[in-house]
C-alpha atoms as a PDB file:
ATOM      1  CA  MET A   1     -13.669 -52.096-132.257  1.00  0.00           C
ATOM      2  CA  ARG A   2     -11.403 -52.228-135.259  1.00  0.00           C
ATOM      3  CA  SER A   3      -7.776 -51.247-135.470  1.00  0.00           C
ATOM      4  CA  ILE A   4      -6.829 -48.017-137.210  1.00  0.00           C
ATOM      5  CA  LEU A   5      -4.593 -50.062-139.526  1.00  0.00           C
ATOM      6  CA  PHE A   6      -7.573 -52.128-140.724  1.00  0.00           C
ATOM      7  CA  LEU A   7      -9.669 -48.980-141.102  1.00  0.00           C
ATOM      8  CA  TYR A   8      -6.918 -47.433-143.224  1.00  0.00           C
ATOM      9  CA  LEU A   9      -6.538 -50.569-145.356  1.00  0.00           C
ATOM     10  CA  GLU A  10     -10.289 -50.727-145.924  1.00  0.00           C
ATOM     11  CA  TRP A  11     -10.340 -47.039-146.819  1.00  0.00           C
ATOM     12  CA  HIS A  12      -7.336 -47.253-149.132  1.00  0.00           C
ATOM     13  CA  PHE A  13      -8.103 -50.525-150.919  1.00  0.00           C
ATOM     14  CA  VAL A  14     -11.927 -50.671-150.847  1.00  0.00           C
ATOM     15  CA  ASP A  15     -13.580 -47.291-150.345  1.00  0.00           C
ATOM     16  CA  ARG A  16     -11.322 -44.975-152.337  1.00  0.00           C
ATOM     17  CA  PRO A  17     -10.950 -47.248-155.395  1.00  0.00           C
ATOM     18  CA  LYS A  18     -14.755 -47.260-155.682  1.00  0.00           C
ATOM     19  CA  VAL A  19     -14.782 -43.464-155.663  1.00  0.00           C
ATOM     20  CA  ILE A  20     -11.922 -43.314-158.168  1.00  0.00           C
ATOM     21  CA  LEU A  21     -13.738 -45.733-160.481  1.00  0.00           C
ATOM     22  CA  GLU A  22     -16.983 -43.744-160.235  1.00  0.00           C
ATOM     23  CA  GLY A  23     -15.148 -40.533-161.103  1.00  0.00           C
ATOM     24  CA  TRP A  24     -13.322 -42.255-163.937  1.00  0.00           C
ATOM     25  CA  LEU A  25     -16.560 -43.623-165.423  1.00  0.00           C
ATOM     26  CA  ASN A  26     -18.096 -40.172-165.065  1.00  0.00           C
ATOM     27  CA  CYS A  27     -15.194 -38.710-167.070  1.00  0.00           C
ATOM     28  CA  LEU A  28     -15.629 -41.377-169.753  1.00  0.00           C
ATOM     29  CA  LYS A  29     -19.373 -40.637-170.047  1.00  0.00           C
ATOM     30  CA  PHE A  30     -18.731 -36.892-170.114  1.00  0.00           C
ATOM     31  CA  ASN A  31     -16.184 -37.289-172.894  1.00  0.00           C
ATOM     32  CA  LEU A  32     -18.631 -39.190-175.109  1.00  0.00           C
ATOM     33  CA  ASN A  33     -21.248 -36.544-174.439  1.00  0.00           C
ATOM     34  CA  TYR A  34     -18.778 -33.693-174.989  1.00  0.00           C
ATOM     35  CA  TRP A  35     -17.737 -34.984-178.415  1.00  0.00           C
ATOM     36  CA  SER A  36     -21.341 -36.080-179.151  1.00  0.00           C
ATOM     37  CA  VAL A  37     -20.152 -39.403-180.531  1.00  0.00           C
ATOM     38  CA  PRO A  38     -23.561 -41.170-180.338  1.00  0.00           C
ATOM     39  CA  VAL A  39     -25.309 -38.219-182.007  1.00  0.00           C
ATOM     40  CA  LEU A  40     -22.636 -37.990-184.696  1.00  0.00           C
ATOM     41  CA  LEU A  41     -23.052 -41.685-185.435  1.00  0.00           C
ATOM     42  CA  LYS A  42     -26.848 -41.325-185.721  1.00  0.00           C
ATOM     43  CA  THR A  43     -26.591 -38.340-188.074  1.00  0.00           C
ATOM     44  CA  TYR A  44     -23.538 -39.551-189.966  1.00  0.00           C
ATOM     45  CA  PHE A  45     -24.805 -38.808-193.488  1.00  0.00           C
ATOM     46  CA  SER A  46     -26.812 -35.696-192.661  1.00  0.00           C
ATOM     47  CA  HIS A  47     -26.119 -32.388-194.361  1.00  0.00           C
ATOM     48  CA  TRP A  48     -23.217 -30.398-192.980  1.00  0.00           C
ATOM     49  CA  ARG A  49     -24.675 -27.683-190.750  1.00  0.00           C
ATOM     50  CA  ARG A  50     -28.033 -28.196-192.484  1.00  0.00           C
ATOM     51  CA  TYR A  51     -26.786 -26.520-195.681  1.00  0.00           C
ATOM     52  CA  ARG A  52     -28.943 -27.788-198.523  1.00  0.00           C
ATOM     53  CA  TYR A  53     -30.625 -26.515-201.639  1.00  0.00           C
ATOM     54  CA  SER A  54     -34.276 -26.961-202.336  1.00  0.00           C
ATOM     55  CA  TYR A  55     -35.287 -28.676-205.555  1.00  0.00           C
ATOM     56  CA  GLY A  56     -38.023 -26.106-206.042  1.00  0.00           C
ATOM     57  CA  ARG A  57     -41.412 -26.524-207.622  1.00  0.00           C
ATOM     58  CA  GLY A  58     -41.766 -28.086-210.998  1.00  0.00           C
ATOM     59  CA  PHE A  59     -39.025 -29.872-212.855  1.00  0.00           C
ATOM     60  CA  ASN A  60     -36.027 -27.936-214.095  1.00  0.00           C
ATOM     61  CA  PHE A  61     -33.227 -30.320-215.033  1.00  0.00           C
ATOM     62  CA  SER A  62     -30.315 -27.910-214.433  1.00  0.00           C
ATOM     63  CA  ARG A  63     -31.744 -26.764-211.098  1.00  0.00           C
ATOM     64  CA  TYR A  64     -32.338 -30.390-210.128  1.00  0.00           C
ATOM     65  CA  ILE A  65     -28.719 -31.364-210.953  1.00  0.00           C
ATOM     66  CA  GLU A  66     -27.376 -28.281-209.149  1.00  0.00           C
ATOM     67  CA  ALA A  67     -29.420 -28.979-206.001  1.00  0.00           C
ATOM     68  CA  PHE A  68     -28.582 -32.684-206.105  1.00  0.00           C
ATOM     69  CA  ALA A  69     -24.845 -32.013-206.504  1.00  0.00           C
ATOM     70  CA  PHE A  70     -24.776 -29.427-203.725  1.00  0.00           C
ATOM     71  CA  ASN A  71     -26.753 -31.680-201.384  1.00  0.00           C
ATOM     72  CA  MET A  72     -24.418 -34.628-202.052  1.00  0.00           C
ATOM     73  CA  ILE A  73     -21.352 -32.446-201.464  1.00  0.00           C
ATOM     74  CA  SER A  74     -22.927 -31.163-198.254  1.00  0.00           C
ATOM     75  CA  ARG A  75     -23.549 -34.724-197.090  1.00  0.00           C
ATOM     76  CA  ALA A  76     -19.980 -35.747-198.004  1.00  0.00           C
ATOM     77  CA  VAL A  77     -18.522 -32.799-196.101  1.00  0.00           C
ATOM     78  CA  GLY A  78     -20.775 -33.694-193.181  1.00  0.00           C
ATOM     79  CA  ALA A  79     -19.578 -37.296-193.216  1.00  0.00           C
ATOM     80  CA  VAL A  80     -15.913 -36.231-193.375  1.00  0.00           C
ATOM     81  CA  MET A  81     -16.276 -33.744-190.535  1.00  0.00           C
ATOM     82  CA  ARG A  82     -18.245 -36.206-188.416  1.00  0.00           C
ATOM     83  CA  THR A  83     -15.575 -38.837-189.033  1.00  0.00           C
ATOM     84  CA  ILE A  84     -12.901 -36.430-187.796  1.00  0.00           C
ATOM     85  CA  PHE A  85     -14.883 -35.565-184.669  1.00  0.00           C
ATOM     86  CA  ILE A  86     -15.721 -39.208-183.959  1.00  0.00           C
ATOM     87  CA  PHE A  87     -12.032 -40.132-184.176  1.00  0.00           C
ATOM     88  CA  LEU A  88     -11.080 -37.217-181.923  1.00  0.00           C
ATOM     89  CA  GLY A  89     -13.707 -38.294-179.401  1.00  0.00           C
ATOM     90  CA  ILE A  90     -12.558 -41.908-179.463  1.00  0.00           C
ATOM     91  CA  ALA A  91      -8.910 -40.824-179.140  1.00  0.00           C
ATOM     92  CA  ALA A  92      -9.798 -38.708-176.113  1.00  0.00           C
ATOM     93  CA  GLU A  93     -11.740 -41.672-174.709  1.00  0.00           C
ATOM     94  CA  ILE A  94      -8.692 -43.926-175.090  1.00  0.00           C
ATOM     95  CA  LEU A  95      -6.514 -41.293-173.427  1.00  0.00           C
ATOM     96  CA  ILE A  96      -8.918 -40.991-170.488  1.00  0.00           C
ATOM     97  CA  LEU A  97      -9.043 -44.786-170.257  1.00  0.00           C
ATOM     98  CA  ALA A  98      -5.231 -45.010-170.097  1.00  0.00           C
ATOM     99  CA  ILE A  99      -4.972 -42.203-167.546  1.00  0.00           C
ATOM    100  CA  GLY A 100      -7.638 -43.874-165.415  1.00  0.00           C
ATOM    101  CA  ILE A 101      -5.857 -47.225-165.484  1.00  0.00           C
ATOM    102  CA  PHE A 102      -2.604 -45.515-164.521  1.00  0.00           C
ATOM    103  CA  ALA A 103      -4.330 -43.568-161.714  1.00  0.00           C
ATOM    104  CA  ILE A 104      -5.993 -46.629-160.143  1.00  0.00           C
ATOM    105  CA  LEU A 105      -2.790 -48.691-160.361  1.00  0.00           C
ATOM    106  CA  PHE A 106      -0.770 -45.823-158.901  1.00  0.00           C
ATOM    107  CA  TRP A 107      -3.270 -45.491-156.048  1.00  0.00           C
ATOM    108  CA  LEU A 108      -3.053 -49.198-155.246  1.00  0.00           C
ATOM    109  CA  VAL A 109       0.774 -49.210-155.332  1.00  0.00           C
ATOM    110  CA  LEU A 110       1.144 -45.985-153.334  1.00  0.00           C
ATOM    111  CA  PRO A 111       1.441 -47.597-149.852  1.00  0.00           C
ATOM    112  CA  GLY A 112       4.196 -49.868-151.122  1.00  0.00           C
ATOM    113  CA  LEU A 113       6.032 -46.866-152.541  1.00  0.00           C
ATOM    114  CA  LEU A 114       5.708 -45.143-149.173  1.00  0.00           C
ATOM    115  CA  PHE A 115       7.290 -48.071-147.349  1.00  0.00           C
ATOM    116  CA  LEU A 116      10.029 -48.408-149.961  1.00  0.00           C
ATOM    117  CA  GLY A 117      10.772 -44.710-149.629  1.00  0.00           C
ATOM    118  CA  LEU A 118      10.967 -44.967-145.850  1.00  0.00           C
ATOM    119  CA  PHE A 119      13.170 -48.062-146.072  1.00  0.00           C
ATOM    120  CA  TYR A 120      15.654 -46.523-148.497  1.00  0.00           C
ATOM    121  CA  GLY A 121      15.555 -43.224-146.605  1.00  0.00           C
ATOM    122  CA  PHE A 122      16.557 -44.951-143.365  1.00  0.00           C
ATOM    123  CA  GLN A 123      19.284 -46.832-145.248  1.00  0.00           C
ATOM    124  CA  ILE A 124      20.736 -43.555-146.448  1.00  0.00           C
ATOM    125  CA  ILE A 125      20.581 -42.000-142.983  1.00  0.00           C
ATOM    126  CA  PHE A 126      22.089 -44.954-141.122  1.00  0.00           C
END
């Protein structure tokens, strides 16, 4: 039979950090999926919102230049917008990473803060 102190220490320093890490990794995966970073990287130079002109049948030089120019502008706009969303997704990922590191460190230091609070509280009282 184990002491309640050892059960608490195992719970606080072994069991709960595993759960916190699993939740943290789940948040990191969700964030990448939410911002669609892998999909945006795969379709980086695709047309923006699938806006594109058809070249049509036959060869008409002015229509060809017009369609080519519009399609290139659409791809450039798509690349710019995807770049913005990729950076936003990576920034959110870094923020979640920092919050997770702070949360796990805070959890591990929490018992020490409790004892320090009790110690200084008793000093103030007595």
